[in-house]
């Protein structure tokens, strides 16, 4: 279709790829908002659920950790569970981005979105 246009044909091809990438990025962002991960601490006594975009959506705390004067321990477990969920969300997001860039033939170390 673009034969004989030289650099213009290359530019049109690049623009088409950019539009394709933009569409796929938008779809991926929607998918990441729907995917959830669960971070845990204290052998599952505290669980934090987050979207793959890193938004915390739920926190589940086993009632057995509320006995005694363990306020600092409980706080530490909650923080650890949230950090674990955030780390898993970041990894999931990175994995999804890698699939997208691999499918478009982009370099693996390319940072998206720009």
N, C-alpha and C. Protein backbone atom coordinates (compact mmCIF):
# COMPACT_ATOMS: atom_id res chain seq x y z
N UNK A 1 0.80 -1.19 0.00
CA UNK A 1 0.00 0.00 0.00
C UNK A 1 0.85 1.26 0.00
N UNK A 2 1.99 1.23 0.71
CA UNK A 2 2.81 2.42 0.81
C UNK A 2 4.08 2.33 -0.03
N UNK A 3 4.13 1.40 -0.99
CA UNK A 3 5.32 1.27 -1.82
C UNK A 3 5.50 2.52 -2.67
N UNK A 4 6.73 2.90 -2.81
CA UNK A 4 7.04 4.05 -3.64
C UNK A 4 6.93 5.37 -2.90
N UNK A 5 6.52 5.36 -1.68
CA UNK A 5 6.40 6.60 -0.92
C UNK A 5 7.64 6.89 -0.08
N UNK A 6 8.56 5.95 -0.02
CA UNK A 6 9.81 6.15 0.71
C UNK A 6 9.58 6.40 2.18
N UNK A 7 10.14 7.52 2.66
CA UNK A 7 10.05 7.86 4.08
C UNK A 7 8.62 8.09 4.53
N UNK A 8 7.77 8.57 3.64
CA UNK A 8 6.36 8.78 4.01
C UNK A 8 5.69 7.46 4.32
N UNK A 9 6.01 6.42 3.56
CA UNK A 9 5.46 5.10 3.82
C UNK A 9 5.90 4.57 5.17
N UNK A 10 7.19 4.80 5.49
CA UNK A 10 7.70 4.40 6.80
C UNK A 10 6.99 5.16 7.91
N UNK A 11 6.78 6.45 7.68
CA UNK A 11 6.10 7.28 8.70
C UNK A 11 4.66 6.81 8.89
N UNK A 12 3.98 6.48 7.81
CA UNK A 12 2.60 6.00 7.91
C UNK A 12 2.55 4.69 8.68
N UNK A 13 3.51 3.83 8.43
CA UNK A 13 3.59 2.56 9.15
C UNK A 13 3.84 2.78 10.63
N UNK A 14 4.71 3.74 10.94
CA UNK A 14 4.99 4.05 12.33
C UNK A 14 3.76 4.63 13.02
N UNK A 15 3.03 5.48 12.30
CA UNK A 15 1.82 6.08 12.88
C UNK A 15 0.78 5.00 13.15
N UNK A 16 0.66 4.04 12.24
CA UNK A 16 -0.29 2.96 12.43
C UNK A 16 0.09 2.14 13.66
N UNK A 17 1.39 1.86 13.81
CA UNK A 17 1.87 1.11 14.98
C UNK A 17 1.61 1.89 16.27
N UNK A 18 1.81 3.21 16.22
CA UNK A 18 1.59 4.04 17.40
C UNK A 18 0.12 4.03 17.80
N UNK A 19 -0.77 4.10 16.84
CA UNK A 19 -2.20 4.06 17.12
C UNK A 19 -2.59 2.70 17.70
N UNK A 20 -2.02 1.65 17.12
CA UNK A 20 -2.28 0.30 17.61
C UNK A 20 -1.81 0.16 19.06
N UNK A 21 -0.63 0.70 19.34
CA UNK A 21 -0.09 0.63 20.68
C UNK A 21 -0.96 1.43 21.65
N UNK A 22 -1.44 2.59 21.23
CA UNK A 22 -2.27 3.43 22.08
C UNK A 22 -3.57 2.70 22.44
N UNK A 23 -4.16 2.04 21.47
CA UNK A 23 -5.39 1.27 21.71
C UNK A 23 -5.13 0.14 22.69
N UNK A 24 -4.04 -0.60 22.46
CA UNK A 24 -3.72 -1.72 23.34
C UNK A 24 -3.36 -1.25 24.75
N UNK A 25 -2.72 -0.09 24.86
CA UNK A 25 -2.39 0.45 26.18
C UNK A 25 -3.67 0.79 26.94
N UNK A 26 -4.63 1.39 26.26
CA UNK A 26 -5.90 1.73 26.92
C UNK A 26 -6.62 0.47 27.38
N UNK A 27 -6.62 -0.56 26.54
CA UNK A 27 -7.24 -1.83 26.91
C UNK A 27 -6.53 -2.45 28.11
N UNK A 28 -5.21 -2.37 28.11
CA UNK A 28 -4.44 -2.94 29.20
C UNK A 28 -4.72 -2.20 30.50
N UNK A 29 -4.83 -0.88 30.45
CA UNK A 29 -5.12 -0.10 31.65
C UNK A 29 -6.47 -0.51 32.24
N UNK A 30 -7.46 -0.74 31.38
CA UNK A 30 -8.77 -1.21 31.84
C UNK A 30 -8.66 -2.58 32.49
N UNK A 31 -7.88 -3.46 31.85
CA UNK A 31 -7.70 -4.81 32.39
C UNK A 31 -6.99 -4.79 33.75
N UNK A 32 -6.00 -3.92 33.89
CA UNK A 32 -5.26 -3.82 35.16
C UNK A 32 -6.17 -3.34 36.29
N UNK A 33 -7.15 -2.52 35.95
CA UNK A 33 -8.08 -2.04 36.98
C UNK A 33 -9.01 -3.16 37.46
N UNK A 34 -9.18 -4.20 36.63
CA UNK A 34 -10.06 -5.32 36.97
C UNK A 34 -9.31 -6.47 37.64
N UNK A 35 -8.02 -6.63 37.34
CA UNK A 35 -7.23 -7.71 37.92
C UNK A 35 -6.92 -7.40 39.38
N UNK A 36 -6.99 -8.41 40.24
CA UNK A 36 -6.66 -8.19 41.65
C UNK A 36 -5.54 -9.11 42.09
N UNK A 37 -4.81 -8.65 43.08
CA UNK A 37 -3.76 -9.43 43.72
C UNK A 37 -3.99 -9.36 45.22
N UNK A 38 -3.50 -10.36 45.94
CA UNK A 38 -3.65 -10.39 47.39
C UNK A 38 -2.27 -10.48 48.02
N UNK A 39 -1.97 -9.50 48.87
CA UNK A 39 -0.73 -9.52 49.64
C UNK A 39 -1.02 -10.05 51.03
N UNK A 40 -0.07 -10.79 51.60
CA UNK A 40 -0.28 -11.40 52.91
C UNK A 40 0.87 -11.09 53.84
N UNK A 41 0.56 -11.12 55.13
CA UNK A 41 1.58 -10.98 56.16
C UNK A 41 1.14 -11.83 57.35
N UNK A 42 2.12 -12.21 58.16
CA UNK A 42 1.82 -13.00 59.35
C UNK A 42 1.18 -14.33 59.01
N UNK A 43 1.73 -15.02 58.01
CA UNK A 43 1.23 -16.34 57.58
C UNK A 43 -0.26 -16.29 57.25
N UNK A 44 -0.68 -15.18 56.62
CA UNK A 44 -2.07 -15.06 56.18
C UNK A 44 -3.01 -14.44 57.19
N UNK A 45 -2.49 -14.00 58.33
CA UNK A 45 -3.35 -13.38 59.33
C UNK A 45 -3.87 -12.02 58.85
N UNK A 46 -3.09 -11.35 58.03
CA UNK A 46 -3.51 -10.08 57.44
C UNK A 46 -3.37 -10.21 55.93
N UNK A 47 -4.47 -9.89 55.23
CA UNK A 47 -4.48 -9.95 53.77
C UNK A 47 -4.95 -8.61 53.21
N UNK A 48 -4.21 -8.10 52.24
CA UNK A 48 -4.57 -6.85 51.57
C UNK A 48 -4.83 -7.17 50.10
N UNK A 49 -5.98 -6.75 49.60
CA UNK A 49 -6.33 -6.97 48.21
C UNK A 49 -6.21 -5.64 47.47
N UNK A 50 -5.59 -5.68 46.29
CA UNK A 50 -5.40 -4.47 45.49
C UNK A 50 -5.62 -4.80 44.03
N UNK A 51 -5.92 -3.78 43.24
CA UNK A 51 -5.99 -3.98 41.80
C UNK A 51 -4.56 -4.05 41.28
N UNK A 52 -4.39 -4.53 40.07
CA UNK A 52 -3.05 -4.60 39.48
C UNK A 52 -2.50 -3.20 39.21
N UNK A 53 -3.34 -2.18 39.32
CA UNK A 53 -2.87 -0.80 39.21
C UNK A 53 -2.38 -0.27 40.56
N UNK A 54 -2.53 -1.09 41.62
CA UNK A 54 -2.03 -0.72 42.93
C UNK A 54 -3.04 -0.09 43.86
N UNK A 55 -4.31 -0.03 43.48
CA UNK A 55 -5.34 0.56 44.33
C UNK A 55 -5.82 -0.46 45.36
N UNK A 56 -5.67 -0.14 46.63
CA UNK A 56 -6.09 -1.02 47.71
C UNK A 56 -7.62 -1.11 47.71
N UNK A 57 -8.16 -2.34 47.68
CA UNK A 57 -9.62 -2.51 47.62
C UNK A 57 -10.19 -3.22 48.83
N UNK A 58 -9.38 -3.97 49.57
CA UNK A 58 -9.90 -4.68 50.74
C UNK A 58 -8.76 -5.00 51.70
N UNK A 59 -9.13 -5.14 52.95
CA UNK A 59 -8.18 -5.52 53.99
C UNK A 59 -8.88 -6.52 54.90
N UNK A 60 -8.29 -7.71 55.07
CA UNK A 60 -8.87 -8.76 55.90
C UNK A 60 -7.90 -9.06 57.03
N UNK A 61 -8.38 -8.88 58.27
CA UNK A 61 -7.54 -9.08 59.44
C UNK A 61 -8.17 -10.17 60.30
N UNK A 62 -7.41 -11.22 60.56
CA UNK A 62 -7.88 -12.30 61.44
C UNK A 62 -8.03 -11.74 62.85
N UNK A 63 -9.17 -11.99 63.47
CA UNK A 63 -9.45 -11.43 64.80
C UNK A 63 -8.50 -11.92 65.88
N UNK A 64 -7.82 -13.02 65.65
CA UNK A 64 -6.91 -13.56 66.68
C UNK A 64 -5.73 -12.66 66.96
N UNK A 65 -5.40 -11.74 66.06
CA UNK A 65 -4.23 -10.88 66.30
C UNK A 65 -4.55 -9.69 67.19
N UNK A 66 -5.81 -9.54 67.60
CA UNK A 66 -6.19 -8.40 68.43
C UNK A 66 -6.12 -8.68 69.93
N UNK A 67 -5.57 -9.79 70.29
CA UNK A 67 -5.47 -10.10 71.73
C UNK A 67 -4.21 -9.47 72.31
N UNK A 68 -4.34 -8.92 73.50
CA UNK A 68 -3.17 -8.36 74.19
C UNK A 68 -2.81 -6.97 73.72
N UNK A 69 -1.62 -6.57 74.07
CA UNK A 69 -1.12 -5.22 73.73
C UNK A 69 -0.17 -5.28 72.54
N UNK A 70 -0.64 -5.87 71.46
CA UNK A 70 0.20 -6.06 70.28
C UNK A 70 -0.10 -5.04 69.18
N UNK A 71 -0.44 -3.83 69.57
CA UNK A 71 -0.81 -2.80 68.59
C UNK A 71 0.27 -2.62 67.54
N UNK A 72 1.52 -2.53 67.94
CA UNK A 72 2.61 -2.31 66.98
C UNK A 72 2.77 -3.49 66.04
N UNK A 73 2.60 -4.70 66.56
CA UNK A 73 2.70 -5.90 65.72
C UNK A 73 1.59 -5.89 64.68
N UNK A 74 0.37 -5.56 65.10
CA UNK A 74 -0.76 -5.50 64.18
C UNK A 74 -0.50 -4.46 63.09
N UNK A 75 -0.03 -3.29 63.49
CA UNK A 75 0.27 -2.24 62.52
C UNK A 75 1.33 -2.69 61.53
N UNK A 76 2.37 -3.36 62.03
CA UNK A 76 3.43 -3.86 61.16
C UNK A 76 2.89 -4.90 60.17
N UNK A 77 2.02 -5.78 60.65
CA UNK A 77 1.44 -6.80 59.77
C UNK A 77 0.57 -6.16 58.69
N UNK A 78 -0.20 -5.16 59.06
CA UNK A 78 -1.05 -4.47 58.08
C UNK A 78 -0.18 -3.79 57.02
N UNK A 79 0.85 -3.08 57.47
CA UNK A 79 1.76 -2.44 56.52
C UNK A 79 2.43 -3.46 55.61
N UNK A 80 2.88 -4.57 56.18
CA UNK A 80 3.56 -5.60 55.40
C UNK A 80 2.61 -6.20 54.35
N UNK A 81 1.36 -6.43 54.72
CA UNK A 81 0.39 -6.98 53.77
C UNK A 81 0.12 -6.00 52.64
N UNK A 82 0.00 -4.72 52.97
CA UNK A 82 -0.24 -3.70 51.93
C UNK A 82 0.96 -3.60 51.00
N UNK A 83 2.16 -3.59 51.57
CA UNK A 83 3.37 -3.52 50.73
C UNK A 83 3.48 -4.74 49.83
N UNK A 84 3.12 -5.92 50.36
CA UNK A 84 3.16 -7.14 49.56
C UNK A 84 2.16 -7.05 48.40
N UNK A 85 0.96 -6.54 48.69
CA UNK A 85 -0.04 -6.38 47.63
C UNK A 85 0.43 -5.39 46.58
N UNK A 86 1.04 -4.29 47.01
CA UNK A 86 1.54 -3.30 46.07
C UNK A 86 2.66 -3.86 45.20
N UNK A 87 3.55 -4.65 45.80
CA UNK A 87 4.64 -5.27 45.04
C UNK A 87 4.08 -6.24 44.01
N UNK A 88 3.10 -7.03 44.41
CA UNK A 88 2.48 -7.98 43.48
C UNK A 88 1.74 -7.23 42.37
N UNK A 89 1.09 -6.12 42.72
CA UNK A 89 0.39 -5.32 41.71
C UNK A 89 1.38 -4.75 40.70
N UNK A 90 2.50 -4.24 41.18
CA UNK A 90 3.52 -3.69 40.29
C UNK A 90 4.08 -4.78 39.37
N UNK A 91 4.32 -5.96 39.92
CA UNK A 91 4.83 -7.07 39.11
C UNK A 91 3.81 -7.49 38.05
N UNK A 92 2.54 -7.56 38.44
CA UNK A 92 1.49 -7.94 37.49
C UNK A 92 1.39 -6.91 36.38
N UNK A 93 1.45 -5.65 36.73
CA UNK A 93 1.40 -4.58 35.75
C UNK A 93 2.59 -4.67 34.79
N UNK A 94 3.76 -4.93 35.35
CA UNK A 94 4.97 -5.07 34.54
C UNK A 94 4.88 -6.27 33.60
N UNK A 95 4.32 -7.38 34.09
CA UNK A 95 4.15 -8.57 33.26
C UNK A 95 3.19 -8.29 32.09
N UNK A 96 2.10 -7.59 32.39
CA UNK A 96 1.12 -7.25 31.34
C UNK A 96 1.76 -6.32 30.31
N UNK A 97 2.56 -5.35 30.76
CA UNK A 97 3.22 -4.41 29.85
C UNK A 97 4.21 -5.16 28.96
N UNK A 98 4.91 -6.13 29.54
CA UNK A 98 5.87 -6.92 28.75
C UNK A 98 5.15 -7.68 27.64
N UNK A 99 3.99 -8.26 27.96
CA UNK A 99 3.22 -8.97 26.94
C UNK A 99 2.82 -8.02 25.82
N UNK A 100 2.43 -6.80 26.19
CA UNK A 100 2.02 -5.81 25.19
C UNK A 100 3.18 -5.41 24.30
N UNK A 101 4.33 -5.11 24.91
CA UNK A 101 5.48 -4.67 24.11
C UNK A 101 6.03 -5.82 23.25
N UNK A 102 5.99 -7.04 23.79
CA UNK A 102 6.44 -8.19 22.99
C UNK A 102 5.56 -8.37 21.76
N UNK A 103 4.25 -8.20 21.93
CA UNK A 103 3.31 -8.36 20.84
C UNK A 103 3.46 -7.30 19.76
N UNK A 104 3.98 -6.14 20.14
CA UNK A 104 4.16 -5.05 19.17
C UNK A 104 5.57 -5.00 18.61
N UNK A 105 6.43 -5.88 19.09
CA UNK A 105 7.80 -5.90 18.58
C UNK A 105 8.66 -4.76 19.12
N UNK A 106 8.30 -4.23 20.28
CA UNK A 106 9.08 -3.15 20.88
C UNK A 106 10.18 -3.74 21.76
N UNK A 107 11.25 -2.97 21.98
CA UNK A 107 12.33 -3.47 22.84
C UNK A 107 11.82 -3.75 24.25
N UNK A 108 12.32 -4.79 24.88
CA UNK A 108 11.88 -5.20 26.21
C UNK A 108 12.16 -4.14 27.27
N UNK A 109 13.24 -3.35 27.10
CA UNK A 109 13.59 -2.35 28.09
C UNK A 109 12.96 -0.99 27.84
N UNK A 110 12.07 -0.90 26.88
CA UNK A 110 11.40 0.36 26.57
C UNK A 110 10.42 0.69 27.68
N UNK A 111 10.51 1.90 28.23
CA UNK A 111 9.67 2.32 29.34
C UNK A 111 8.37 2.91 28.80
N UNK A 112 7.24 2.25 29.17
CA UNK A 112 5.92 2.74 28.78
C UNK A 112 5.08 2.87 30.04
N UNK A 113 4.11 3.74 30.09
CA UNK A 113 3.88 4.81 29.11
C UNK A 113 4.98 5.83 29.20
N UNK A 114 5.12 6.59 28.13
CA UNK A 114 6.26 7.51 27.96
C UNK A 114 6.34 8.53 29.03
